[in-house]
């Protein structure tokens, strides 16, 4: 399924020299990999207009929970700023930050993961308006759980998490890809927070936009 989804995205965009750069599992001491990856993309394709910041690990207290914050939040922030810097050299582009339904709801089984994913949404909602001035759309996608090695390992290790997954159910990866493609293609999506759930499929969180933001 993972290969099939990757092929779908590639078929849509690679032929037009557009490239979806997935930045994932970056720890603080490896953040220098992000600009390297962006430069390599531009060198290979001559252009950069799509960046997907997809970062996720699930270490919780008493383990090294700070790595979860560094990977799931700090790397997304770093990736977004670098994407804006590089994409703005061209006409326009889009950044997709991958959060989670755990970024919208409490998840007692994984509080640090939950806090980091909330942070991704707060950051996305706060930065999209400034990015738009430079011709760049910034959106976020919040899938509920779908099958990954991290989820499978968590279900084996944590009984509370296993019960949560069984109660919530999983979505198919293809639906998440459909959502991602919608955020890329639809130029009206600016600061959009997409939800992807088994119960409702694809829909959007309604929140008050930048014009209601606190004054600086």
N, C-alpha and C. Protein backbone atom coordinates (compact mmCIF):
# COMPACT_ATOMS: atom_id res chain seq x y z
N UNK A 1 0.83 -1.20 0.00
CA UNK A 1 0.00 0.00 0.00
C UNK A 1 0.86 1.25 0.00
N UNK A 2 1.93 1.23 0.78
CA UNK A 2 2.79 2.41 0.85
C UNK A 2 3.39 2.70 -0.51
N UNK A 3 3.87 1.67 -1.22
CA UNK A 3 4.45 1.86 -2.54
C UNK A 3 3.42 2.35 -3.53
N UNK A 4 2.20 1.83 -3.42
CA UNK A 4 1.13 2.24 -4.33
C UNK A 4 0.78 3.70 -4.14
N UNK A 5 0.72 4.14 -2.87
CA UNK A 5 0.42 5.55 -2.59
C UNK A 5 1.53 6.46 -3.09
N UNK A 6 2.77 6.04 -2.90
CA UNK A 6 3.90 6.82 -3.39
C UNK A 6 3.85 6.96 -4.90
N UNK A 7 3.48 5.89 -5.58
CA UNK A 7 3.39 5.92 -7.04
C UNK A 7 2.31 6.88 -7.50
N UNK A 8 1.19 6.93 -6.77
CA UNK A 8 0.10 7.85 -7.14
C UNK A 8 0.56 9.30 -7.08
N UNK A 9 1.26 9.65 -6.02
CA UNK A 9 1.75 11.02 -5.88
C UNK A 9 2.79 11.31 -6.96
N UNK A 10 3.69 10.35 -7.18
CA UNK A 10 4.72 10.54 -8.20
C UNK A 10 4.13 10.73 -9.58
N UNK A 11 3.10 9.96 -9.89
CA UNK A 11 2.47 10.06 -11.20
C UNK A 11 1.82 11.41 -11.41
N UNK A 12 1.35 12.01 -10.33
CA UNK A 12 0.67 13.30 -10.44
C UNK A 12 1.64 14.46 -10.62
N UNK A 13 2.83 14.37 -10.00
CA UNK A 13 3.64 15.57 -9.91
C UNK A 13 5.03 15.47 -10.50
N UNK A 14 5.66 14.31 -10.50
CA UNK A 14 7.05 14.25 -10.96
C UNK A 14 7.17 14.62 -12.43
N UNK A 15 6.18 14.30 -13.23
CA UNK A 15 6.31 14.58 -14.66
C UNK A 15 6.31 16.07 -14.95
N UNK A 16 5.85 16.90 -14.01
CA UNK A 16 5.89 18.34 -14.20
C UNK A 16 7.03 18.97 -13.39
N UNK A 17 8.01 18.13 -13.05
CA UNK A 17 9.17 18.58 -12.29
C UNK A 17 8.77 19.19 -10.96
N UNK A 18 7.69 18.69 -10.41
CA UNK A 18 7.32 19.06 -9.05
C UNK A 18 7.67 17.88 -8.16
N UNK A 19 8.00 18.14 -6.96
CA UNK A 19 8.50 17.07 -6.11
C UNK A 19 8.01 17.24 -4.70
N UNK A 20 7.40 16.19 -4.15
CA UNK A 20 6.95 16.21 -2.76
C UNK A 20 8.08 15.72 -1.88
N UNK A 21 8.63 16.59 -1.08
CA UNK A 21 9.77 16.24 -0.25
C UNK A 21 9.27 15.91 1.15
N UNK A 22 9.43 14.65 1.55
CA UNK A 22 8.95 14.23 2.86
C UNK A 22 10.08 14.31 3.87
N UNK A 23 9.88 15.14 4.89
CA UNK A 23 10.91 15.34 5.91
C UNK A 23 10.42 14.65 7.17
N UNK A 24 11.05 13.56 7.55
CA UNK A 24 10.47 12.80 8.64
C UNK A 24 11.56 12.29 9.58
N UNK A 25 11.15 12.02 10.79
CA UNK A 25 12.00 11.41 11.81
C UNK A 25 13.31 12.15 12.00
N UNK A 26 13.23 13.49 12.04
CA UNK A 26 14.43 14.29 12.23
C UNK A 26 14.58 14.65 13.71
N UNK A 27 15.71 14.32 14.27
CA UNK A 27 16.00 14.76 15.63
C UNK A 27 16.81 16.05 15.57
N UNK A 28 16.90 16.73 16.68
CA UNK A 28 17.53 18.04 16.68
C UNK A 28 18.94 17.99 16.11
N UNK A 29 19.73 16.97 16.48
CA UNK A 29 21.10 16.92 16.00
C UNK A 29 21.18 16.51 14.55
N UNK A 30 20.01 16.25 13.91
CA UNK A 30 20.01 15.88 12.50
C UNK A 30 19.24 16.89 11.66
N UNK A 31 18.91 18.04 12.22
CA UNK A 31 18.13 19.01 11.46
C UNK A 31 18.88 19.54 10.26
N UNK A 32 20.22 19.43 10.27
CA UNK A 32 20.97 19.88 9.11
C UNK A 32 20.66 19.05 7.88
N UNK A 33 20.05 17.87 8.05
CA UNK A 33 19.68 17.04 6.92
C UNK A 33 18.57 17.71 6.10
N UNK A 34 17.73 18.51 6.74
CA UNK A 34 16.59 19.10 6.05
C UNK A 34 17.02 20.03 4.93
N UNK A 35 17.88 21.05 5.18
CA UNK A 35 18.29 21.89 4.06
C UNK A 35 19.05 21.11 2.99
N UNK A 36 19.80 20.10 3.39
CA UNK A 36 20.50 19.27 2.42
C UNK A 36 19.51 18.58 1.49
N UNK A 37 18.43 18.06 2.08
CA UNK A 37 17.41 17.38 1.28
C UNK A 37 16.72 18.33 0.32
N UNK A 38 16.43 19.55 0.78
CA UNK A 38 15.78 20.53 -0.09
C UNK A 38 16.70 20.93 -1.24
N UNK A 39 17.99 21.14 -0.93
CA UNK A 39 18.93 21.52 -1.99
C UNK A 39 19.09 20.40 -3.01
N UNK A 40 19.09 19.16 -2.53
CA UNK A 40 19.21 18.02 -3.45
C UNK A 40 18.00 17.93 -4.35
N UNK A 41 16.82 18.19 -3.79
CA UNK A 41 15.59 18.18 -4.59
C UNK A 41 15.66 19.22 -5.70
N UNK A 42 16.07 20.44 -5.35
CA UNK A 42 16.16 21.51 -6.35
C UNK A 42 17.20 21.16 -7.40
N UNK A 43 18.33 20.58 -6.97
CA UNK A 43 19.37 20.19 -7.90
C UNK A 43 18.88 19.12 -8.87
N UNK A 44 18.07 18.18 -8.37
CA UNK A 44 17.61 17.06 -9.20
C UNK A 44 16.50 17.47 -10.14
N UNK A 45 15.57 18.33 -9.66
CA UNK A 45 14.37 18.63 -10.42
C UNK A 45 14.33 20.07 -10.96
N UNK A 46 15.27 20.90 -10.52
CA UNK A 46 15.32 22.27 -10.99
C UNK A 46 14.25 23.17 -10.41
N UNK A 47 13.53 22.68 -9.43
CA UNK A 47 12.37 23.43 -8.94
C UNK A 47 11.92 22.83 -7.61
N UNK A 48 11.29 23.63 -6.79
CA UNK A 48 10.70 23.12 -5.55
C UNK A 48 9.40 23.87 -5.31
N UNK A 49 8.28 23.16 -5.31
CA UNK A 49 7.03 23.85 -4.99
C UNK A 49 6.10 23.05 -4.10
N UNK A 50 6.50 21.85 -3.68
CA UNK A 50 5.69 21.08 -2.74
C UNK A 50 6.60 20.50 -1.67
N UNK A 51 6.30 20.77 -0.43
CA UNK A 51 7.04 20.17 0.68
C UNK A 51 6.03 19.59 1.67
N UNK A 52 6.25 18.34 2.04
CA UNK A 52 5.42 17.69 3.06
C UNK A 52 6.28 17.40 4.28
N UNK A 53 5.98 18.07 5.37
CA UNK A 53 6.70 17.82 6.62
C UNK A 53 5.97 16.71 7.38
N UNK A 54 6.50 15.52 7.29
CA UNK A 54 5.85 14.34 7.87
C UNK A 54 6.79 13.73 8.89
N UNK A 55 6.60 14.06 10.15
CA UNK A 55 7.51 13.61 11.20
C UNK A 55 6.72 12.95 12.31
N UNK A 56 7.13 11.76 12.73
CA UNK A 56 6.39 11.12 13.81
C UNK A 56 7.14 10.01 14.52
N UNK A 57 7.41 10.19 15.80
CA UNK A 57 7.83 9.10 16.67
C UNK A 57 6.97 9.20 17.93
N UNK A 58 7.04 8.18 18.78
CA UNK A 58 6.12 8.14 19.90
C UNK A 58 6.75 7.85 21.25
N UNK A 59 7.99 8.31 21.47
CA UNK A 59 8.61 8.07 22.77
C UNK A 59 7.91 8.92 23.83
N UNK A 60 7.57 8.31 24.96
CA UNK A 60 6.88 8.99 26.06
C UNK A 60 7.69 8.85 27.35
N UNK A 61 7.37 9.67 28.33
CA UNK A 61 7.99 9.56 29.65
C UNK A 61 7.74 8.14 30.19
N UNK A 62 8.73 7.46 30.79
CA UNK A 62 10.04 7.95 31.24
C UNK A 62 11.14 7.80 30.20
N UNK A 63 10.81 7.46 28.96
CA UNK A 63 11.82 7.35 27.93
C UNK A 63 12.22 8.74 27.46
N UNK A 64 13.01 8.82 26.40
CA UNK A 64 13.53 10.12 25.95
C UNK A 64 12.44 10.89 25.22
N UNK A 65 11.47 11.42 25.99
CA UNK A 65 10.31 12.08 25.40
C UNK A 65 10.68 13.37 24.67
N UNK A 66 11.84 13.97 25.01
CA UNK A 66 12.24 15.19 24.31
C UNK A 66 12.50 14.94 22.83
N UNK A 67 12.89 13.73 22.50
CA UNK A 67 13.07 13.39 21.08
C UNK A 67 11.74 13.45 20.33
N UNK A 68 10.66 13.12 21.02
CA UNK A 68 9.35 13.20 20.40
C UNK A 68 9.02 14.65 20.04
N UNK A 69 9.32 15.58 20.95
CA UNK A 69 9.07 17.00 20.67
C UNK A 69 9.99 17.49 19.55
N UNK A 70 11.27 17.11 19.62
CA UNK A 70 12.21 17.53 18.58
C UNK A 70 11.81 17.02 17.20
N UNK A 71 11.37 15.78 17.14
CA UNK A 71 11.03 15.18 15.86
C UNK A 71 9.68 15.63 15.36
N UNK A 72 8.67 15.57 16.22
CA UNK A 72 7.29 15.80 15.77
C UNK A 72 6.94 17.27 15.65
N UNK A 73 7.67 18.13 16.34
CA UNK A 73 7.34 19.56 16.30
C UNK A 73 8.51 20.40 15.78
N UNK A 74 9.68 20.29 16.41
CA UNK A 74 10.80 21.15 16.02
C UNK A 74 11.20 20.93 14.56
N UNK A 75 11.21 19.68 14.11
CA UNK A 75 11.60 19.40 12.72
C UNK A 75 10.56 19.94 11.75
N UNK A 76 9.30 19.92 12.13
CA UNK A 76 8.24 20.47 11.27
C UNK A 76 8.39 21.99 11.15
N UNK A 77 8.68 22.65 12.26
CA UNK A 77 8.89 24.10 12.23
C UNK A 77 10.09 24.43 11.35
N UNK A 78 11.20 23.73 11.58
CA UNK A 78 12.40 23.95 10.77
C UNK A 78 12.13 23.69 9.29
N UNK A 79 11.44 22.59 9.01
CA UNK A 79 11.14 22.26 7.63
C UNK A 79 10.25 23.29 6.95
N UNK A 80 9.31 23.84 7.70
CA UNK A 80 8.40 24.85 7.13
C UNK A 80 9.16 26.13 6.80
N UNK A 81 9.98 26.61 7.72
CA UNK A 81 10.72 27.84 7.46
C UNK A 81 11.67 27.68 6.27
N UNK A 82 12.35 26.53 6.21
CA UNK A 82 13.26 26.30 5.10
C UNK A 82 12.51 26.16 3.78
N UNK A 83 11.34 25.51 3.84
CA UNK A 83 10.53 25.37 2.63
C UNK A 83 10.09 26.73 2.11
N UNK A 84 9.64 27.60 3.02
CA UNK A 84 9.23 28.95 2.61
C UNK A 84 10.40 29.69 1.99
N UNK A 85 11.57 29.56 2.59
CA UNK A 85 12.76 30.23 2.07
C UNK A 85 13.09 29.77 0.65
N UNK A 86 13.04 28.46 0.43
CA UNK A 86 13.42 27.91 -0.88
C UNK A 86 12.32 28.10 -1.92
N UNK A 87 11.08 27.82 -1.53
CA UNK A 87 9.98 27.92 -2.50
C UNK A 87 9.78 29.35 -2.96
N UNK A 88 10.00 30.31 -2.06
CA UNK A 88 9.75 31.71 -2.41
C UNK A 88 10.68 32.20 -3.51
N UNK A 89 11.72 31.45 -3.84
CA UNK A 89 12.59 31.80 -4.95
C UNK A 89 11.90 31.57 -6.29
N UNK A 90 10.82 30.82 -6.27
CA UNK A 90 10.06 30.52 -7.48
C UNK A 90 8.71 31.24 -7.39
N UNK A 91 7.78 30.90 -8.23
CA UNK A 91 6.53 31.66 -8.29
C UNK A 91 5.63 31.40 -7.08
N UNK A 92 5.38 30.13 -6.79
CA UNK A 92 4.47 29.80 -5.70
C UNK A 92 4.67 28.34 -5.32
N UNK A 93 4.02 27.93 -4.23
CA UNK A 93 4.15 26.55 -3.79
C UNK A 93 3.25 26.28 -2.61
N UNK A 94 3.38 25.08 -2.05
CA UNK A 94 2.53 24.67 -0.95
C UNK A 94 3.34 23.83 0.04
N UNK A 95 3.07 24.03 1.31
CA UNK A 95 3.66 23.23 2.39
C UNK A 95 2.53 22.52 3.11
N UNK A 96 2.67 21.21 3.28
CA UNK A 96 1.70 20.41 4.04
C UNK A 96 2.38 19.90 5.30
N UNK A 97 1.86 20.29 6.46
CA UNK A 97 2.36 19.79 7.73
C UNK A 97 1.45 18.67 8.22
N UNK A 98 2.04 17.53 8.48
CA UNK A 98 1.26 16.38 8.93
C UNK A 98 1.15 16.41 10.45
N UNK A 99 -0.06 16.65 10.92
CA UNK A 99 -0.35 16.58 12.34
C UNK A 99 -1.06 15.25 12.60
N UNK A 100 -2.16 15.28 13.31
CA UNK A 100 -2.85 14.06 13.70
C UNK A 100 -4.17 14.49 14.35
N UNK A 101 -5.12 13.57 14.41
CA UNK A 101 -6.30 13.85 15.21
C UNK A 101 -5.93 14.04 16.67
N UNK A 102 -4.75 13.52 17.06
CA UNK A 102 -4.23 13.78 18.40
C UNK A 102 -3.80 15.23 18.56
N UNK A 103 -3.73 15.98 17.46
CA UNK A 103 -3.47 17.41 17.53
C UNK A 103 -4.73 18.23 17.78
N UNK A 104 -5.88 17.57 17.69
CA UNK A 104 -7.16 18.24 17.90
C UNK A 104 -7.87 17.76 19.17
N UNK A 105 -7.52 16.56 19.61
CA UNK A 105 -8.21 15.93 20.74
C UNK A 105 -7.18 15.45 21.76
N UNK A 106 -7.56 15.29 23.01
CA UNK A 106 -6.64 14.71 23.99
C UNK A 106 -6.41 13.23 23.72
N UNK A 107 -5.21 12.77 24.03
CA UNK A 107 -4.88 11.36 23.87
C UNK A 107 -4.07 10.93 25.09
N UNK A 108 -4.76 10.52 26.17
CA UNK A 108 -4.07 10.23 27.43
C UNK A 108 -2.98 9.17 27.32
N UNK A 109 -3.10 8.27 26.35
CA UNK A 109 -2.10 7.21 26.22
C UNK A 109 -0.75 7.76 25.77
N UNK A 110 -0.74 8.89 25.05
CA UNK A 110 0.51 9.45 24.53
C UNK A 110 0.50 10.99 24.67
N UNK A 111 0.64 11.49 25.89
CA UNK A 111 0.49 12.94 26.11
C UNK A 111 1.56 13.80 25.43
N UNK A 112 2.80 13.31 25.35
CA UNK A 112 3.85 14.11 24.72
C UNK A 112 3.63 14.18 23.21
N UNK A 113 3.32 13.05 22.61
CA UNK A 113 2.99 13.01 21.18
C UNK A 113 1.82 13.95 20.90
N UNK A 114 0.82 13.90 21.75
CA UNK A 114 -0.37 14.72 21.60
C UNK A 114 -0.01 16.21 21.67
N UNK A 115 0.83 16.58 22.63
CA UNK A 115 1.23 17.98 22.77
C UNK A 115 1.99 18.47 21.54
N UNK A 116 2.87 17.63 21.03
CA UNK A 116 3.65 18.02 19.85
C UNK A 116 2.76 18.21 18.63
N UNK A 117 1.78 17.34 18.45
CA UNK A 117 0.88 17.46 17.30
C UNK A 117 -0.05 18.65 17.45
N UNK A 118 -0.45 18.99 18.67
CA UNK A 118 -1.17 20.24 18.90
C UNK A 118 -0.30 21.43 18.48
N UNK A 119 0.98 21.34 18.79
CA UNK A 119 1.90 22.40 18.43
C UNK A 119 2.01 22.60 16.93
N UNK A 120 1.99 21.50 16.18
CA UNK A 120 2.04 21.60 14.72
C UNK A 120 0.85 22.40 14.20
N UNK A 121 -0.33 22.18 14.76
CA UNK A 121 -1.51 22.92 14.31
C UNK A 121 -1.44 24.38 14.72
N UNK A 122 -1.01 24.65 15.94
CA UNK A 122 -0.88 26.04 16.36
C UNK A 122 0.10 26.80 15.49
N UNK A 123 1.20 26.16 15.15
CA UNK A 123 2.21 26.76 14.28
C UNK A 123 1.64 27.00 12.88
N UNK A 124 0.95 26.01 12.32
CA UNK A 124 0.39 26.14 10.97
C UNK A 124 -0.64 27.25 10.91
N UNK A 125 -1.53 27.29 11.90
CA UNK A 125 -2.57 28.33 11.93
C UNK A 125 -1.97 29.72 12.07
N UNK A 126 -0.80 29.81 12.69
CA UNK A 126 -0.20 31.10 12.97
C UNK A 126 0.70 31.60 11.85
N UNK A 127 1.24 30.70 11.02
CA UNK A 127 2.23 31.11 10.02
C UNK A 127 1.65 31.24 8.61
N UNK A 128 0.48 30.66 8.36
CA UNK A 128 0.03 30.56 6.97
C UNK A 128 -0.19 31.92 6.32
N UNK A 129 -0.64 32.91 7.11
CA UNK A 129 -0.95 34.21 6.53
C UNK A 129 0.32 34.92 6.05
N UNK A 130 1.37 34.86 6.84
CA UNK A 130 2.63 35.45 6.41
C UNK A 130 3.21 34.71 5.21
N UNK A 131 3.10 33.38 5.21
CA UNK A 131 3.61 32.61 4.08
C UNK A 131 2.85 32.95 2.80
N UNK A 132 1.56 33.21 2.93
CA UNK A 132 0.73 33.53 1.77
C UNK A 132 1.23 34.80 1.07
N UNK A 133 1.77 35.73 1.82
CA UNK A 133 2.30 36.97 1.23
C UNK A 133 3.46 36.68 0.29
N UNK A 134 4.09 35.52 0.47
CA UNK A 134 5.23 35.15 -0.37
C UNK A 134 4.83 34.12 -1.43
N UNK A 135 3.51 33.95 -1.61
CA UNK A 135 3.02 33.05 -2.64
C UNK A 135 2.99 31.59 -2.24
N UNK A 136 3.03 31.33 -0.94
CA UNK A 136 3.11 29.94 -0.46
C UNK A 136 1.91 29.63 0.43
N UNK A 137 1.23 28.56 0.11
CA UNK A 137 0.12 28.09 0.94
C UNK A 137 0.66 27.10 1.98
N UNK A 138 0.22 27.26 3.21
CA UNK A 138 0.60 26.31 4.27
C UNK A 138 -0.67 25.72 4.85
N UNK A 139 -0.78 24.40 4.80
CA UNK A 139 -1.94 23.67 5.31
C UNK A 139 -1.47 22.55 6.23
N UNK A 140 -2.42 21.95 6.92
CA UNK A 140 -2.10 20.80 7.77
C UNK A 140 -3.14 19.71 7.56
N UNK A 141 -2.71 18.48 7.72
CA UNK A 141 -3.61 17.33 7.62
C UNK A 141 -3.55 16.55 8.93
N UNK A 142 -4.72 16.12 9.41
CA UNK A 142 -4.84 15.44 10.70
C UNK A 142 -5.50 14.08 10.51
N UNK A 143 -4.74 13.08 10.14
CA UNK A 143 -5.35 11.76 10.02
C UNK A 143 -5.56 11.13 11.40
N UNK A 144 -6.61 10.33 11.48
CA UNK A 144 -6.68 9.45 12.62
C UNK A 144 -5.68 8.31 12.37
N UNK A 145 -5.69 7.31 13.16
CA UNK A 145 -4.64 6.28 13.08
C UNK A 145 -4.77 5.46 11.81
N UNK A 146 -3.63 5.26 11.13
CA UNK A 146 -3.57 4.26 10.05
C UNK A 146 -2.34 3.40 10.29
N UNK A 147 -2.31 2.25 9.68
CA UNK A 147 -1.32 1.23 10.04
C UNK A 147 0.10 1.65 9.63
N UNK A 148 0.95 1.79 10.62
CA UNK A 148 2.37 2.06 10.41
C UNK A 148 3.16 1.21 11.40
N UNK A 149 4.46 1.04 11.18
CA UNK A 149 5.26 0.31 12.17
C UNK A 149 5.19 0.93 13.56
N UNK A 150 5.13 2.28 13.64
CA UNK A 150 5.06 2.93 14.94
C UNK A 150 3.78 2.57 15.67
N UNK A 151 2.66 2.54 14.94
CA UNK A 151 1.37 2.20 15.55
C UNK A 151 1.37 0.74 16.00
N UNK A 152 1.87 -0.14 15.16
CA UNK A 152 1.89 -1.56 15.51
C UNK A 152 2.76 -1.82 16.73
N UNK A 153 3.90 -1.14 16.81
CA UNK A 153 4.77 -1.30 17.97
C UNK A 153 4.10 -0.75 19.22
N UNK A 154 3.43 0.39 19.09
CA UNK A 154 2.74 0.98 20.23
C UNK A 154 1.63 0.09 20.76
N UNK A 155 0.91 -0.57 19.86
CA UNK A 155 -0.16 -1.47 20.28
C UNK A 155 0.38 -2.66 21.04
N UNK A 156 1.56 -3.13 20.67
CA UNK A 156 2.17 -4.25 21.39
C UNK A 156 2.67 -3.83 22.76
N UNK A 157 3.16 -2.58 22.85
CA UNK A 157 3.82 -2.13 24.07
C UNK A 157 2.86 -1.57 25.10
N UNK A 158 1.75 -0.97 24.64
CA UNK A 158 0.90 -0.20 25.54
C UNK A 158 -0.54 -0.66 25.41
N UNK A 159 -1.07 -1.23 26.48
CA UNK A 159 -2.43 -1.76 26.47
C UNK A 159 -3.46 -0.64 26.29
N UNK A 160 -3.24 0.51 26.94
CA UNK A 160 -4.18 1.63 26.79
C UNK A 160 -4.23 2.10 25.34
N UNK A 161 -3.07 2.16 24.71
CA UNK A 161 -3.03 2.60 23.32
C UNK A 161 -3.71 1.59 22.42
N UNK A 162 -3.51 0.31 22.69
CA UNK A 162 -4.15 -0.73 21.88
C UNK A 162 -5.67 -0.62 21.96
N UNK A 163 -6.18 -0.39 23.16
CA UNK A 163 -7.63 -0.25 23.32
C UNK A 163 -8.15 0.99 22.58
N UNK A 164 -7.37 2.06 22.63
CA UNK A 164 -7.76 3.28 21.93
C UNK A 164 -7.84 3.04 20.43
N UNK A 165 -6.84 2.38 19.87
CA UNK A 165 -6.82 2.11 18.42
C UNK A 165 -8.00 1.24 18.02
N UNK A 166 -8.27 0.22 18.82
CA UNK A 166 -9.38 -0.67 18.49
C UNK A 166 -10.72 0.06 18.56
N UNK A 167 -10.84 1.00 19.50
CA UNK A 167 -12.09 1.75 19.62
C UNK A 167 -12.24 2.78 18.50
N UNK A 168 -11.14 3.45 18.16
CA UNK A 168 -11.19 4.51 17.14
C UNK A 168 -11.24 3.95 15.73
N UNK A 169 -10.58 2.82 15.53
CA UNK A 169 -10.49 2.25 14.19
C UNK A 169 -9.41 2.94 13.37
N UNK A 170 -9.03 2.31 12.28
CA UNK A 170 -7.99 2.84 11.42
C UNK A 170 -8.57 3.28 10.09
N UNK A 171 -7.94 4.29 9.49
CA UNK A 171 -8.31 4.69 8.14
C UNK A 171 -7.32 4.06 7.16
N UNK A 172 -7.76 3.91 5.93
CA UNK A 172 -6.88 3.40 4.89
C UNK A 172 -5.91 4.50 4.45
N UNK A 173 -4.68 4.10 4.17
CA UNK A 173 -3.67 5.07 3.76
C UNK A 173 -4.09 5.81 2.48
N UNK A 174 -4.82 5.12 1.60
CA UNK A 174 -5.25 5.75 0.34
C UNK A 174 -6.11 6.99 0.59
N UNK A 175 -6.91 6.98 1.66
CA UNK A 175 -7.75 8.14 1.96
C UNK A 175 -6.88 9.31 2.40
N UNK A 176 -5.83 9.03 3.16
CA UNK A 176 -4.90 10.08 3.58
C UNK A 176 -4.22 10.67 2.36
N UNK A 177 -3.85 9.84 1.40
CA UNK A 177 -3.22 10.32 0.16
C UNK A 177 -4.20 11.19 -0.62
N UNK A 178 -5.47 10.78 -0.68
CA UNK A 178 -6.48 11.61 -1.35
C UNK A 178 -6.54 13.00 -0.71
N UNK A 179 -6.51 13.03 0.61
CA UNK A 179 -6.55 14.30 1.32
C UNK A 179 -5.32 15.15 1.02
N UNK A 180 -4.17 14.51 1.02
CA UNK A 180 -2.93 15.23 0.73
C UNK A 180 -2.98 15.85 -0.66
N UNK A 181 -3.44 15.08 -1.65
CA UNK A 181 -3.53 15.59 -3.02
C UNK A 181 -4.53 16.75 -3.12
N UNK A 182 -5.60 16.68 -2.35
CA UNK A 182 -6.57 17.77 -2.36
C UNK A 182 -5.94 19.06 -1.83
N UNK A 183 -5.17 18.96 -0.77
CA UNK A 183 -4.51 20.14 -0.21
C UNK A 183 -3.46 20.71 -1.16
N UNK A 184 -2.85 19.85 -1.94
CA UNK A 184 -1.85 20.30 -2.92
C UNK A 184 -2.53 20.99 -4.10
N UNK A 185 -3.57 20.37 -4.63
CA UNK A 185 -4.19 20.86 -5.88
C UNK A 185 -5.07 22.08 -5.68
N UNK A 186 -5.83 22.11 -4.60
CA UNK A 186 -6.86 23.13 -4.41
C UNK A 186 -6.23 24.42 -3.89
N UNK A 187 -6.09 25.39 -4.76
CA UNK A 187 -5.41 26.62 -4.38
C UNK A 187 -6.24 27.51 -3.47
N UNK A 188 -7.48 27.14 -3.22
CA UNK A 188 -8.27 27.89 -2.23
C UNK A 188 -7.94 27.45 -0.81
N UNK A 189 -7.24 26.34 -0.65
CA UNK A 189 -6.89 25.85 0.68
C UNK A 189 -5.66 26.60 1.19
N UNK A 190 -5.88 27.51 2.12
CA UNK A 190 -4.82 28.34 2.70
C UNK A 190 -5.03 28.38 4.21
N UNK A 191 -4.13 27.80 4.94
CA UNK A 191 -4.32 27.67 6.38
C UNK A 191 -5.36 26.64 6.75
N UNK A 192 -5.63 25.73 5.82
CA UNK A 192 -6.67 24.71 6.04
C UNK A 192 -6.17 23.63 6.99
N UNK A 193 -7.07 23.16 7.85
CA UNK A 193 -6.78 22.05 8.76
C UNK A 193 -7.72 20.91 8.38
N UNK A 194 -7.20 19.95 7.65
CA UNK A 194 -8.00 18.83 7.17
C UNK A 194 -8.00 17.69 8.19
N UNK A 195 -9.19 17.12 8.42
CA UNK A 195 -9.32 15.93 9.27
C UNK A 195 -9.61 14.73 8.38
N UNK A 196 -9.02 13.60 8.74
CA UNK A 196 -9.28 12.36 8.01
C UNK A 196 -9.61 11.28 9.03
N UNK A 197 -10.86 10.85 9.05
CA UNK A 197 -11.31 9.86 10.04
C UNK A 197 -12.09 8.74 9.36
N UNK A 198 -12.18 7.64 10.05
CA UNK A 198 -12.96 6.52 9.53
C UNK A 198 -14.44 6.86 9.49
N UNK A 199 -14.89 7.65 10.46
CA UNK A 199 -16.32 7.94 10.57
C UNK A 199 -16.79 8.95 9.52
N UNK A 200 -16.00 9.99 9.25
CA UNK A 200 -16.45 11.07 8.37
C UNK A 200 -15.63 11.22 7.10
N UNK A 201 -14.59 10.42 6.94
CA UNK A 201 -13.74 10.58 5.78
C UNK A 201 -12.96 11.88 5.87
N UNK A 202 -12.99 12.67 4.80
CA UNK A 202 -12.26 13.93 4.76
C UNK A 202 -13.19 15.09 5.06
N UNK A 203 -12.83 15.90 6.06
CA UNK A 203 -13.53 17.16 6.30
C UNK A 203 -12.54 18.14 6.91
N UNK A 204 -13.02 19.33 7.30
CA UNK A 204 -12.11 20.38 7.75
C UNK A 204 -12.53 20.92 9.10
N UNK A 205 -11.52 21.27 9.90
CA UNK A 205 -11.79 21.96 11.15
C UNK A 205 -12.11 23.42 10.84
N UNK A 206 -13.13 23.94 11.46
CA UNK A 206 -13.46 25.35 11.32
C UNK A 206 -12.85 26.11 12.49
N UNK A 207 -12.06 27.11 12.16
CA UNK A 207 -11.47 27.93 13.21
C UNK A 207 -11.40 29.37 12.72
N UNK A 208 -11.31 30.28 13.64
CA UNK A 208 -11.25 31.68 13.27
C UNK A 208 -9.89 32.00 12.66
N UNK A 209 -9.90 32.64 11.51
CA UNK A 209 -8.68 32.85 10.74
C UNK A 209 -7.78 33.94 11.28
N UNK A 210 -6.77 34.28 10.47
CA UNK A 210 -5.72 35.19 10.91
C UNK A 210 -6.25 36.58 11.27
N UNK A 211 -7.36 37.01 10.67
CA UNK A 211 -7.86 38.35 10.96
C UNK A 211 -8.33 38.49 12.41
N UNK A 212 -8.56 37.33 13.08
CA UNK A 212 -8.95 37.36 14.48
C UNK A 212 -7.77 37.10 15.42
N UNK A 213 -6.56 36.98 14.82
CA UNK A 213 -5.40 36.67 15.65
C UNK A 213 -5.10 37.81 16.62
N UNK A 214 -4.41 37.45 17.70
CA UNK A 214 -4.04 38.46 18.67
C UNK A 214 -3.08 39.47 18.03
N UNK A 215 -3.21 40.75 18.33
CA UNK A 215 -2.29 41.73 17.77
C UNK A 215 -0.88 41.53 18.29
N UNK A 216 0.10 41.86 17.46
CA UNK A 216 1.49 41.71 17.86
C UNK A 216 1.95 42.99 18.55
